[in-house]
PDB file of N, CA and C in Angstrom:
ATOM      1  N   UNK A   1     -11.370   5.856   0.889  1.00  0.00           N
ATOM      2  CA  UNK A   1     -12.805   5.793   0.981  1.00  0.00           C
ATOM      3  C   UNK A   1     -13.374   6.500  -0.254  1.00  0.00           C
ATOM      4  N   UNK A   2     -14.256   5.817  -0.988  1.00  0.00           N
ATOM      5  CA  UNK A   2     -14.848   6.412  -2.185  1.00  0.00           C
ATOM      6  C   UNK A   2     -15.837   7.488  -1.762  1.00  0.00           C
ATOM      7  N   UNK A   3     -15.673   8.672  -2.351  1.00  0.00           N
ATOM      8  CA  UNK A   3     -16.513   9.829  -2.018  1.00  0.00           C
ATOM      9  C   UNK A   3     -17.660   9.993  -3.010  1.00  0.00           C
ATOM     10  N   UNK A   4     -17.336  10.005  -4.320  1.00  0.00           N
ATOM     11  CA  UNK A   4     -18.370  10.232  -5.333  1.00  0.00           C
ATOM     12  C   UNK A   4     -18.101   9.400  -6.576  1.00  0.00           C
ATOM     13  N   UNK A   5     -19.180   9.110  -7.293  1.00  0.00           N
ATOM     14  CA  UNK A   5     -19.124   8.525  -8.630  1.00  0.00           C
ATOM     15  C   UNK A   5     -20.017   9.415  -9.477  1.00  0.00           C
ATOM     16  N   UNK A   6     -19.417  10.116 -10.449  1.00  0.00           N
ATOM     17  CA  UNK A   6     -20.154  11.106 -11.241  1.00  0.00           C
ATOM     18  C   UNK A   6     -19.896  10.900 -12.727  1.00  0.00           C
ATOM     19  N   UNK A   7     -20.790  11.433 -13.582  1.00  0.00           N
ATOM     20  CA  UNK A   7     -20.545  11.360 -15.030  1.00  0.00           C
ATOM     21  C   UNK A   7     -19.305  12.168 -15.399  1.00  0.00           C
ATOM     22  N   UNK A   8     -18.616  11.711 -16.438  1.00  0.00           N
ATOM     23  CA  UNK A   8     -17.475  12.475 -16.936  1.00  0.00           C
ATOM     24  C   UNK A   8     -17.960  13.742 -17.612  1.00  0.00           C
ATOM     25  N   UNK A   9     -17.112  14.737 -17.662  1.00  0.00           N
ATOM     26  CA  UNK A   9     -17.432  15.970 -18.376  1.00  0.00           C
ATOM     27  C   UNK A   9     -16.296  16.252 -19.355  1.00  0.00           C
ATOM     28  N   UNK A  10     -16.534  16.257 -20.650  1.00  0.00           N
ATOM     29  CA  UNK A  10     -17.807  16.017 -21.337  1.00  0.00           C
ATOM     30  C   UNK A  10     -18.247  14.561 -21.184  1.00  0.00           C
ATOM     31  N   UNK A  11     -19.551  14.353 -21.394  1.00  0.00           N
ATOM     32  CA  UNK A  11     -20.121  13.024 -21.217  1.00  0.00           C
ATOM     33  C   UNK A  11     -19.437  12.008 -22.119  1.00  0.00           C
ATOM     34  N   UNK A  12     -19.203  10.843 -21.578  1.00  0.00           N
ATOM     35  CA  UNK A  12     -18.637   9.733 -22.342  1.00  0.00           C
ATOM     36  C   UNK A  12     -19.496   8.509 -22.053  1.00  0.00           C
ATOM     37  N   UNK A  13     -19.853   7.753 -23.087  1.00  0.00           N
ATOM     38  CA  UNK A  13     -20.705   6.591 -22.845  1.00  0.00           C
ATOM     39  C   UNK A  13     -19.996   5.554 -21.982  1.00  0.00           C
ATOM     40  N   UNK A  14     -20.712   5.053 -20.995  1.00  0.00           N
ATOM     41  CA  UNK A  14     -20.233   3.974 -20.130  1.00  0.00           C
ATOM     42  C   UNK A  14     -18.982   4.330 -19.327  1.00  0.00           C
ATOM     43  N   UNK A  15     -18.786   5.627 -19.017  1.00  0.00           N
ATOM     44  CA  UNK A  15     -17.621   6.046 -18.234  1.00  0.00           C
ATOM     45  C   UNK A  15     -18.053   7.004 -17.127  1.00  0.00           C
ATOM     46  N   UNK A  16     -17.340   6.945 -16.006  1.00  0.00           N
ATOM     47  CA  UNK A  16     -17.629   7.809 -14.861  1.00  0.00           C
ATOM     48  C   UNK A  16     -16.322   8.307 -14.255  1.00  0.00           C
ATOM     49  N   UNK A  17     -16.450   9.303 -13.392  1.00  0.00           N
ATOM     50  CA  UNK A  17     -15.319   9.835 -12.642  1.00  0.00           C
ATOM     51  C   UNK A  17     -15.514   9.413 -11.188  1.00  0.00           C
ATOM     52  N   UNK A  18     -14.542   8.683 -10.637  1.00  0.00           N
ATOM     53  CA  UNK A  18     -14.613   8.211  -9.253  1.00  0.00           C
ATOM     54  C   UNK A  18     -13.632   9.028  -8.426  1.00  0.00           C
ATOM     55  N   UNK A  19     -14.111   9.638  -7.346  1.00  0.00           N
ATOM     56  CA  UNK A  19     -13.216  10.385  -6.457  1.00  0.00           C
ATOM     57  C   UNK A  19     -13.204   9.709  -5.093  1.00  0.00           C
ATOM     58  N   UNK A  20     -12.043   9.790  -4.444  1.00  0.00           N
ATOM     59  CA  UNK A  20     -11.888   9.108  -3.165  1.00  0.00           C
ATOM     60  C   UNK A  20     -10.873   9.834  -2.306  1.00  0.00           C
ATOM     61  N   UNK A  21     -10.908   9.527  -1.012  1.00  0.00           N
ATOM     62  CA  UNK A  21      -9.964  10.072  -0.040  1.00  0.00           C
ATOM     63  C   UNK A  21      -9.123   8.934   0.508  1.00  0.00           C
ATOM     64  N   UNK A  22      -7.818   9.134   0.544  1.00  0.00           N
ATOM     65  CA  UNK A  22      -6.903   8.159   1.144  1.00  0.00           C
ATOM     66  C   UNK A  22      -6.983   8.328   2.660  1.00  0.00           C
ATOM     67  N   UNK A  23      -7.300   7.249   3.375  1.00  0.00           N
ATOM     68  CA  UNK A  23      -7.434   7.367   4.829  1.00  0.00           C
ATOM     69  C   UNK A  23      -6.082   7.445   5.528  1.00  0.00           C
ATOM     70  N   UNK A  24      -4.990   7.150   4.817  1.00  0.00           N
ATOM     71  CA  UNK A  24      -3.658   7.247   5.414  1.00  0.00           C
ATOM     72  C   UNK A  24      -3.126   8.677   5.357  1.00  0.00           C
ATOM     73  N   UNK A  25      -3.193   9.308   4.160  1.00  0.00           N
ATOM     74  CA  UNK A  25      -2.594  10.642   3.995  1.00  0.00           C
ATOM     75  C   UNK A  25      -3.633  11.747   3.934  1.00  0.00           C
ATOM     76  N   UNK A  26      -4.930  11.388   3.903  1.00  0.00           N
ATOM     77  CA  UNK A  26      -6.044  12.327   3.820  1.00  0.00           C
ATOM     78  C   UNK A  26      -6.051  13.093   2.498  1.00  0.00           C
ATOM     79  N   UNK A  27      -5.347  12.570   1.486  1.00  0.00           N
ATOM     80  CA  UNK A  27      -5.355  13.189   0.158  1.00  0.00           C
ATOM     81  C   UNK A  27      -6.630  12.852  -0.587  1.00  0.00           C
ATOM     82  N   UNK A  28      -7.056  13.745  -1.478  1.00  0.00           N
ATOM     83  CA  UNK A  28      -8.270  13.561  -2.272  1.00  0.00           C
ATOM     84  C   UNK A  28      -7.861  13.371  -3.724  1.00  0.00           C
ATOM     85  N   UNK A  29      -8.384  12.328  -4.389  1.00  0.00           N
ATOM     86  CA  UNK A  29      -7.981  11.983  -5.746  1.00  0.00           C
ATOM     87  C   UNK A  29      -9.199  11.624  -6.580  1.00  0.00           C
ATOM     88  N   UNK A  30      -9.067  11.678  -7.917  1.00  0.00           N
ATOM     89  CA  UNK A  30     -10.144  11.298  -8.828  1.00  0.00           C
ATOM     90  C   UNK A  30      -9.542  10.616 -10.051  1.00  0.00           C
ATOM     91  N   UNK A  31     -10.260   9.602 -10.562  1.00  0.00           N
ATOM     92  CA  UNK A  31      -9.829   8.858 -11.743  1.00  0.00           C
ATOM     93  C   UNK A  31     -11.044   8.551 -12.605  1.00  0.00           C
ATOM     94  N   UNK A  32     -10.876   8.598 -13.921  1.00  0.00           N
ATOM     95  CA  UNK A  32     -11.924   8.174 -14.847  1.00  0.00           C
ATOM     96  C   UNK A  32     -11.848   6.659 -14.999  1.00  0.00           C
ATOM     97  N   UNK A  33     -13.018   6.021 -15.116  1.00  0.00           N
ATOM     98  CA  UNK A  33     -13.064   4.571 -15.302  1.00  0.00           C
ATOM     99  C   UNK A  33     -14.374   4.190 -15.976  1.00  0.00           C
ATOM    100  N   UNK A  34     -14.506   2.919 -16.337  1.00  0.00           N
ATOM    101  CA  UNK A  34     -15.748   2.446 -16.947  1.00  0.00           C
ATOM    102  C   UNK A  34     -16.796   2.201 -15.860  1.00  0.00           C
ATOM    103  N   UNK A  35     -18.059   2.238 -16.254  1.00  0.00           N
ATOM    104  CA  UNK A  35     -19.145   1.981 -15.302  1.00  0.00           C
ATOM    105  C   UNK A  35     -19.028   0.573 -14.711  1.00  0.00           C
ATOM    106  N   UNK A  36     -18.784  -0.476 -15.529  1.00  0.00           N
ATOM    107  CA  UNK A  36     -18.648  -1.812 -14.925  1.00  0.00           C
ATOM    108  C   UNK A  36     -17.494  -1.907 -13.922  1.00  0.00           C
ATOM    109  N   UNK A  37     -16.369  -1.249 -14.205  1.00  0.00           N
ATOM    110  CA  UNK A  37     -15.237  -1.301 -13.276  1.00  0.00           C
ATOM    111  C   UNK A  37     -15.584  -0.562 -11.979  1.00  0.00           C
ATOM    112  N   UNK A  38     -16.256   0.585 -12.072  1.00  0.00           N
ATOM    113  CA  UNK A  38     -16.662   1.319 -10.868  1.00  0.00           C
ATOM    114  C   UNK A  38     -17.633   0.476 -10.040  1.00  0.00           C
ATOM    115  N   UNK A  39     -18.562  -0.201 -10.711  1.00  0.00           N
ATOM    116  CA  UNK A  39     -19.512  -1.058  -9.997  1.00  0.00           C
ATOM    117  C   UNK A  39     -18.789  -2.202  -9.298  1.00  0.00           C
ATOM    118  N   UNK A  40     -17.790  -2.780  -9.962  1.00  0.00           N
ATOM    119  CA  UNK A  40     -17.026  -3.873  -9.353  1.00  0.00           C
ATOM    120  C   UNK A  40     -16.278  -3.390  -8.113  1.00  0.00           C
ATOM    121  N   UNK A  41     -15.732  -2.181  -8.165  1.00  0.00           N
ATOM    122  CA  UNK A  41     -15.020  -1.620  -7.010  1.00  0.00           C
ATOM    123  C   UNK A  41     -15.978  -1.432  -5.840  1.00  0.00           C
ATOM    124  N   UNK A  42     -17.157  -0.901  -6.125  1.00  0.00           N
ATOM    125  CA  UNK A  42     -18.125  -0.629  -5.065  1.00  0.00           C
ATOM    126  C   UNK A  42     -18.737  -1.902  -4.478  1.00  0.00           C
ATOM    127  N   UNK A  43     -18.729  -2.994  -5.237  1.00  0.00           N
ATOM    128  CA  UNK A  43     -19.386  -4.225  -4.796  1.00  0.00           C
ATOM    129  C   UNK A  43     -18.443  -5.268  -4.221  1.00  0.00           C
ATOM    130  N   UNK A  44     -17.217  -4.919  -3.944  1.00  0.00           N
ATOM    131  CA  UNK A  44     -16.299  -5.914  -3.390  1.00  0.00           C
ATOM    132  C   UNK A  44     -15.781  -5.474  -2.031  1.00  0.00           C
ATOM    133  N   UNK A  45     -15.142  -6.426  -1.381  1.00  0.00           N
ATOM    134  CA  UNK A  45     -14.530  -6.115  -0.093  1.00  0.00           C
ATOM    135  C   UNK A  45     -13.330  -5.212  -0.317  1.00  0.00           C
ATOM    136  N   UNK A  46     -12.970  -4.481   0.704  1.00  0.00           N
ATOM    137  CA  UNK A  46     -11.835  -3.563   0.628  1.00  0.00           C
ATOM    138  C   UNK A  46     -10.533  -4.341   0.488  1.00  0.00           C
ATOM    139  N   UNK A  47      -9.577  -3.818  -0.305  1.00  0.00           N
ATOM    140  CA  UNK A  47      -8.286  -4.467  -0.522  1.00  0.00           C
ATOM    141  C   UNK A  47      -7.424  -4.447   0.727  1.00  0.00           C
ATOM    142  N   UNK A  48      -7.544  -3.450   1.540  1.00  0.00           N
ATOM    143  CA  UNK A  48      -6.731  -3.290   2.734  1.00  0.00           C
ATOM    144  C   UNK A  48      -6.864  -1.869   3.211  1.00  0.00           C
ATOM    145  N   UNK A  49      -6.385  -1.572   4.405  1.00  0.00           N
ATOM    146  CA  UNK A  49      -6.546  -0.215   4.932  1.00  0.00           C
ATOM    147  C   UNK A  49      -5.807   0.812   4.084  1.00  0.00           C
ATOM    148  N   UNK A  50      -6.539   1.779   3.563  1.00  0.00           N
ATOM    149  CA  UNK A  50      -5.928   2.859   2.797  1.00  0.00           C
ATOM    150  C   UNK A  50      -5.553   2.498   1.383  1.00  0.00           C
ATOM    151  N   UNK A  51      -5.902   1.291   0.917  1.00  0.00           N
ATOM    152  CA  UNK A  51      -5.534   0.849  -0.426  1.00  0.00           C
ATOM    153  C   UNK A  51      -6.790   0.742  -1.273  1.00  0.00           C
ATOM    154  N   UNK A  52      -6.713   1.247  -2.494  1.00  0.00           N
ATOM    155  CA  UNK A  52      -7.803   1.115  -3.451  1.00  0.00           C
ATOM    156  C   UNK A  52      -7.273   0.341  -4.639  1.00  0.00           C
ATOM    157  N   UNK A  53      -7.855  -0.816  -4.930  1.00  0.00           N
ATOM    158  CA  UNK A  53      -7.483  -1.568  -6.122  1.00  0.00           C
ATOM    159  C   UNK A  53      -8.305  -0.990  -7.253  1.00  0.00           C
ATOM    160  N   UNK A  54      -7.635  -0.449  -8.253  1.00  0.00           N
ATOM    161  CA  UNK A  54      -8.323   0.332  -9.274  1.00  0.00           C
ATOM    162  C   UNK A  54      -7.636   0.115 -10.609  1.00  0.00           C
ATOM    163  N   UNK A  55      -8.361  -0.415 -11.591  1.00  0.00           N
ATOM    164  CA  UNK A  55      -7.805  -0.588 -12.925  1.00  0.00           C
ATOM    165  C   UNK A  55      -6.588  -1.500 -12.960  1.00  0.00           C
ATOM    166  N   UNK A  56      -6.566  -2.521 -12.105  1.00  0.00           N
ATOM    167  CA  UNK A  56      -5.443  -3.443 -12.074  1.00  0.00           C
ATOM    168  C   UNK A  56      -4.259  -2.951 -11.264  1.00  0.00           C
ATOM    169  N   UNK A  57      -4.357  -1.778 -10.698  1.00  0.00           N
ATOM    170  CA  UNK A  57      -3.288  -1.206  -9.874  1.00  0.00           C
ATOM    171  C   UNK A  57      -3.771  -1.105  -8.429  1.00  0.00           C
ATOM    172  N   UNK A  58      -2.829  -1.101  -7.510  1.00  0.00           N
ATOM    173  CA  UNK A  58      -3.134  -0.847  -6.106  1.00  0.00           C
ATOM    174  C   UNK A  58      -2.721   0.592  -5.829  1.00  0.00           C
ATOM    175  N   UNK A  59      -3.685   1.419  -5.439  1.00  0.00           N
ATOM    176  CA  UNK A  59      -3.485   2.858  -5.282  1.00  0.00           C
ATOM    177  C   UNK A  59      -3.371   3.199  -3.799  1.00  0.00           C
ATOM    178  N   UNK A  60      -2.356   3.983  -3.446  1.00  0.00           N
ATOM    179  CA  UNK A  60      -2.181   4.501  -2.092  1.00  0.00           C
ATOM    180  C   UNK A  60      -1.639   5.906  -2.251  1.00  0.00           C
ATOM    181  N   UNK A  61      -2.118   6.852  -1.504  1.00  0.00           N
ATOM    182  CA  UNK A  61      -1.721   8.266  -1.622  1.00  0.00           C
ATOM    183  C   UNK A  61      -1.945   8.786  -3.043  1.00  0.00           C
ATOM    184  N   UNK A  62      -2.956   8.249  -3.741  1.00  0.00           N
ATOM    185  CA  UNK A  62      -3.309   8.733  -5.071  1.00  0.00           C
ATOM    186  C   UNK A  62      -2.413   8.258  -6.188  1.00  0.00           C
ATOM    187  N   UNK A  63      -1.471   7.360  -5.908  1.00  0.00           N
ATOM    188  CA  UNK A  63      -0.545   6.873  -6.931  1.00  0.00           C
ATOM    189  C   UNK A  63      -0.499   5.352  -6.908  1.00  0.00           C
ATOM    190  N   UNK A  64      -0.196   4.772  -8.077  1.00  0.00           N
ATOM    191  CA  UNK A  64      -0.027   3.323  -8.146  1.00  0.00           C
ATOM    192  C   UNK A  64       1.195   2.924  -7.324  1.00  0.00           C
ATOM    193  N   UNK A  65       1.030   1.897  -6.515  1.00  0.00           N
ATOM    194  CA  UNK A  65       2.147   1.408  -5.705  1.00  0.00           C
ATOM    195  C   UNK A  65       3.118   0.646  -6.598  1.00  0.00           C
ATOM    196  N   UNK A  66       4.409   0.725  -6.283  1.00  0.00           N
ATOM    197  CA  UNK A  66       5.450   0.027  -7.036  1.00  0.00           C
ATOM    198  C   UNK A  66       5.646  -1.356  -6.434  1.00  0.00           C
ATOM    199  N   UNK A  67       5.864  -2.362  -7.293  1.00  0.00           N
ATOM    200  CA  UNK A  67       6.051  -3.711  -6.765  1.00  0.00           C
ATOM    201  C   UNK A  67       7.521  -4.017  -6.549  1.00  0.00           C
ATOM    202  N   UNK A  68       7.755  -4.822  -5.510  1.00  0.00           N
ATOM    203  CA  UNK A  68       9.102  -5.291  -5.204  1.00  0.00           C
ATOM    204  C   UNK A  68       9.299  -6.671  -5.795  1.00  0.00           C
ATOM    205  N   UNK A  69      10.325  -7.357  -5.376  1.00  0.00           N
ATOM    206  CA  UNK A  69      10.620  -8.695  -5.878  1.00  0.00           C
ATOM    207  C   UNK A  69       9.637  -9.712  -5.316  1.00  0.00           C
ATOM    208  N   UNK A  70       9.106 -10.614  -6.184  1.00  0.00           N
ATOM    209  CA  UNK A  70       8.224 -11.671  -5.681  1.00  0.00           C
ATOM    210  C   UNK A  70       8.973 -12.583  -4.714  1.00  0.00           C
ATOM    211  N   UNK A  71       8.250 -13.104  -3.721  1.00  0.00           N
ATOM    212  CA  UNK A  71       8.828 -14.012  -2.727  1.00  0.00           C
ATOM    213  C   UNK A  71       7.936 -15.230  -2.612  1.00  0.00           C
ATOM    214  N   UNK A  72       8.470 -16.273  -2.038  1.00  0.00           N
ATOM    215  CA  UNK A  72       7.668 -17.455  -1.779  1.00  0.00           C
ATOM    216  C   UNK A  72       7.590 -17.661  -0.275  1.00  0.00           C
ATOM    217  N   UNK A  73       6.372 -17.744   0.250  1.00  0.00           N
ATOM    218  CA  UNK A  73       6.144 -17.939   1.679  1.00  0.00           C
ATOM    219  C   UNK A  73       5.690 -19.375   1.913  1.00  0.00           C
ATOM    220  N   UNK A  74       6.106 -19.951   3.019  1.00  0.00           N
ATOM    221  CA  UNK A  74       5.684 -21.290   3.395  1.00  0.00           C
ATOM    222  C   UNK A  74       4.527 -21.173   4.378  1.00  0.00           C
ATOM    223  N   UNK A  75       3.500 -21.977   4.159  1.00  0.00           N
ATOM    224  CA  UNK A  75       2.332 -21.962   5.037  1.00  0.00           C
ATOM    225  C   UNK A  75       2.296 -23.278   5.805  1.00  0.00           C
ATOM    226  N   UNK A  76       2.256 -23.193   7.127  1.00  0.00           N
ATOM    227  CA  UNK A  76       2.166 -24.366   7.986  1.00  0.00           C
ATOM    228  C   UNK A  76       0.826 -24.360   8.695  1.00  0.00           C
ATOM    229  N   UNK A  77       0.288 -25.542   8.928  1.00  0.00           N
ATOM    230  CA  UNK A  77      -0.905 -25.668   9.761  1.00  0.00           C
ATOM    231  C   UNK A  77      -0.411 -25.852  11.190  1.00  0.00           C
ATOM    232  N   UNK A  78      -0.544 -24.829  12.004  1.00  0.00           N
ATOM    233  CA  UNK A  78      -0.033 -24.899  13.363  1.00  0.00           C
ATOM    234  C   UNK A  78       1.441 -24.529  13.403  1.00  0.00           C
ATOM    235  N   UNK A  79       2.120 -24.954  14.455  1.00  0.00           N
ATOM    236  CA  UNK A  79       3.530 -24.637  14.663  1.00  0.00           C
ATOM    237  C   UNK A  79       4.383 -25.580  13.820  1.00  0.00           C
ATOM    238  N   UNK A  80       5.375 -25.051  13.061  1.00  0.00           N
ATOM    239  CA  UNK A  80       6.223 -25.933  12.262  1.00  0.00           C
ATOM    240  C   UNK A  80       6.993 -26.904  13.161  1.00  0.00           C
ATOM    241  N   UNK A  81       6.958 -28.179  12.816  1.00  0.00           N
ATOM    242  CA  UNK A  81       7.645 -29.195  13.619  1.00  0.00           C
ATOM    243  C   UNK A  81       8.676 -29.944  12.797  1.00  0.00           C
ATOM    244  N   UNK A  82       9.068 -29.404  11.665  1.00  0.00           N
ATOM    245  CA  UNK A  82      10.039 -30.069  10.820  1.00  0.00           C
ATOM    246  C   UNK A  82       9.397 -30.917   9.740  1.00  0.00           C
ATOM    247  N   UNK A  83       8.078 -31.049   9.770  1.00  0.00           N
ATOM    248  CA  UNK A  83       7.379 -31.799   8.732  1.00  0.00           C
ATOM    249  C   UNK A  83       7.251 -30.971   7.462  1.00  0.00           C
ATOM    250  N   UNK A  84       6.634 -31.566   6.482  1.00  0.00           N
ATOM    251  CA  UNK A  84       6.445 -30.875   5.205  1.00  0.00           C
ATOM    252  C   UNK A  84       5.456 -29.724   5.371  1.00  0.00           C
ATOM    253  N   UNK A  85       5.705 -28.605   4.706  1.00  0.00           N
ATOM    254  CA  UNK A  85       4.749 -27.496   4.775  1.00  0.00           C
ATOM    255  C   UNK A  85       3.437 -27.885   4.102  1.00  0.00           C
ATOM    256  N   UNK A  86       2.371 -27.219   4.497  1.00  0.00           N
ATOM    257  CA  UNK A  86       1.055 -27.482   3.932  1.00  0.00           C
ATOM    258  C   UNK A  86       0.870 -26.818   2.575  1.00  0.00           C
ATOM    259  N   UNK A  87       1.688 -25.830   2.266  1.00  0.00           N
ATOM    260  CA  UNK A  87       1.567 -25.164   0.976  1.00  0.00           C
ATOM    261  C   UNK A  87       2.529 -24.009   0.857  1.00  0.00           C
ATOM    262  N   UNK A  88       2.631 -23.480  -0.331  1.00  0.00           N
ATOM    263  CA  UNK A  88       3.475 -22.320  -0.594  1.00  0.00           C
ATOM    264  C   UNK A  88       2.602 -21.209  -1.160  1.00  0.00           C
ATOM    265  N   UNK A  89       2.898 -19.999  -0.783  1.00  0.00           N
ATOM    266  CA  UNK A  89       2.149 -18.845  -1.269  1.00  0.00           C
ATOM    267  C   UNK A  89       3.136 -17.842  -1.836  1.00  0.00           C
ATOM    268  N   UNK A  90       3.021 -17.581  -3.130  1.00  0.00           N
ATOM    269  CA  UNK A  90       3.857 -16.560  -3.745  1.00  0.00           C
ATOM    270  C   UNK A  90       3.287 -15.188  -3.426  1.00  0.00           C
ATOM    271  N   UNK A  91       4.136 -14.256  -3.031  1.00  0.00           N
ATOM    272  CA  UNK A  91       3.689 -12.895  -2.722  1.00  0.00           C
ATOM    273  C   UNK A  91       4.605 -11.882  -3.380  1.00  0.00           C
ATOM    274  N   UNK A  92       4.099 -10.678  -3.524  1.00  0.00           N
ATOM    275  CA  UNK A  92       4.961  -9.563  -3.907  1.00  0.00           C
ATOM    276  C   UNK A  92       4.640  -8.397  -2.991  1.00  0.00           C
ATOM    277  N   UNK A  93       5.651  -7.600  -2.717  1.00  0.00           N
ATOM    278  CA  UNK A  93       5.500  -6.452  -1.837  1.00  0.00           C
ATOM    279  C   UNK A  93       5.253  -5.218  -2.678  1.00  0.00           C
ATOM    280  N   UNK A  94       4.236  -4.450  -2.302  1.00  0.00           N
ATOM    281  CA  UNK A  94       3.932  -3.184  -2.964  1.00  0.00           C
ATOM    282  C   UNK A  94       4.391  -2.053  -2.058  1.00  0.00           C
ATOM    283  N   UNK A  95       5.026  -1.051  -2.648  1.00  0.00           N
ATOM    284  CA  UNK A  95       5.583   0.071  -1.890  1.00  0.00           C
ATOM    285  C   UNK A  95       4.956   1.379  -2.352  1.00  0.00           C
ATOM    286  N   UNK A  96       4.609   2.239  -1.399  1.00  0.00           N
ATOM    287  CA  UNK A  96       4.131   3.592  -1.686  1.00  0.00           C
ATOM    288  C   UNK A  96       5.267   4.566  -1.389  1.00  0.00           C
ATOM    289  N   UNK A  97       5.254   5.708  -2.054  1.00  0.00           N
ATOM    290  CA  UNK A  97       6.296   6.720  -1.835  1.00  0.00           C
ATOM    291  C   UNK A  97       6.304   7.238  -0.399  1.00  0.00           C
ATOM    292  N   UNK A  98       5.164   7.093   0.323  1.00  0.00           N
ATOM    293  CA  UNK A  98       5.085   7.574   1.705  1.00  0.00           C
ATOM    294  C   UNK A  98       5.754   6.616   2.695  1.00  0.00           C
ATOM    295  N   UNK A  99       6.171   5.432   2.218  1.00  0.00           N
ATOM    296  CA  UNK A  99       6.792   4.451   3.094  1.00  0.00           C
ATOM    297  C   UNK A  99       5.890   3.274   3.428  1.00  0.00           C
ATOM    298  N   UNK A 100       4.590   3.413   3.175  1.00  0.00           N
ATOM    299  CA  UNK A 100       3.659   2.315   3.419  1.00  0.00           C
ATOM    300  C   UNK A 100       3.974   1.169   2.465  1.00  0.00           C
ATOM    301  N   UNK A 101       3.869  -0.065   2.955  1.00  0.00           N
ATOM    302  CA  UNK A 101       4.025  -1.223   2.088  1.00  0.00           C
ATOM    303  C   UNK A 101       3.097  -2.332   2.538  1.00  0.00           C
ATOM    304  N   UNK A 102       2.754  -3.221   1.602  1.00  0.00           N
ATOM    305  CA  UNK A 102       1.892  -4.359   1.889  1.00  0.00           C
ATOM    306  C   UNK A 102       2.287  -5.501   0.975  1.00  0.00           C
ATOM    307  N   UNK A 103       1.934  -6.722   1.372  1.00  0.00           N
ATOM    308  CA  UNK A 103       2.175  -7.888   0.528  1.00  0.00           C
ATOM    309  C   UNK A 103       0.853  -8.383  -0.023  1.00  0.00           C
ATOM    310  N   UNK A 104       0.865  -8.785  -1.293  1.00  0.00           N
ATOM    311  CA  UNK A 104      -0.318  -9.350  -1.928  1.00  0.00           C
ATOM    312  C   UNK A 104       0.075 -10.680  -2.572  1.00  0.00           C
ATOM    313  N   UNK A 105      -0.892 -11.578  -2.785  1.00  0.00           N
ATOM    314  CA  UNK A 105      -0.576 -12.836  -3.472  1.00  0.00           C
ATOM    315  C   UNK A 105      -0.025 -12.561  -4.869  1.00  0.00           C
ATOM    316  N   UNK A 106       0.899 -13.409  -5.302  1.00  0.00           N
ATOM    317  CA  UNK A 106       1.514 -13.266  -6.624  1.00  0.00           C
ATOM    318  C   UNK A 106       1.623 -14.648  -7.254  1.00  0.00           C
ATOM    319  N   UNK A 107       0.961 -14.824  -8.398  1.00  0.00           N
ATOM    320  CA  UNK A 107       1.024 -16.092  -9.110  1.00  0.00           C
ATOM    321  C   UNK A 107       1.921 -15.920 -10.309  1.00  0.00           C
ATOM    322  N   UNK A 108       2.813 -16.878 -10.527  1.00  0.00           N
ATOM    323  CA  UNK A 108       3.745 -16.811 -11.667  1.00  0.00           C
ATOM    324  C   UNK A 108       3.055 -17.181 -12.946  1.00  0.00           C
TER     325      UNK A 108
END
């Protein structure tokens, strides 16, 4: 959960310090970023419970999550009956040092 967005010290043009609390571990963290990137974070839907997508990284427990091997998932409309799948979705698994993991879409 984002707690504050404040100017950097010393002042830097078009940059802010964003602080947040991880709802999983209750840790408090802060990162410097650009004003447009901070605005984009505040104006979008949440990435997932306890996850902050920040600067191209997925953050959990204040650290960038490590990615696992990409996988390909089959998507069926309804119960699979042996027919052709409706589509394929590439995913990769992200792992946090605390043991939390999640899958996100992955395009080759």
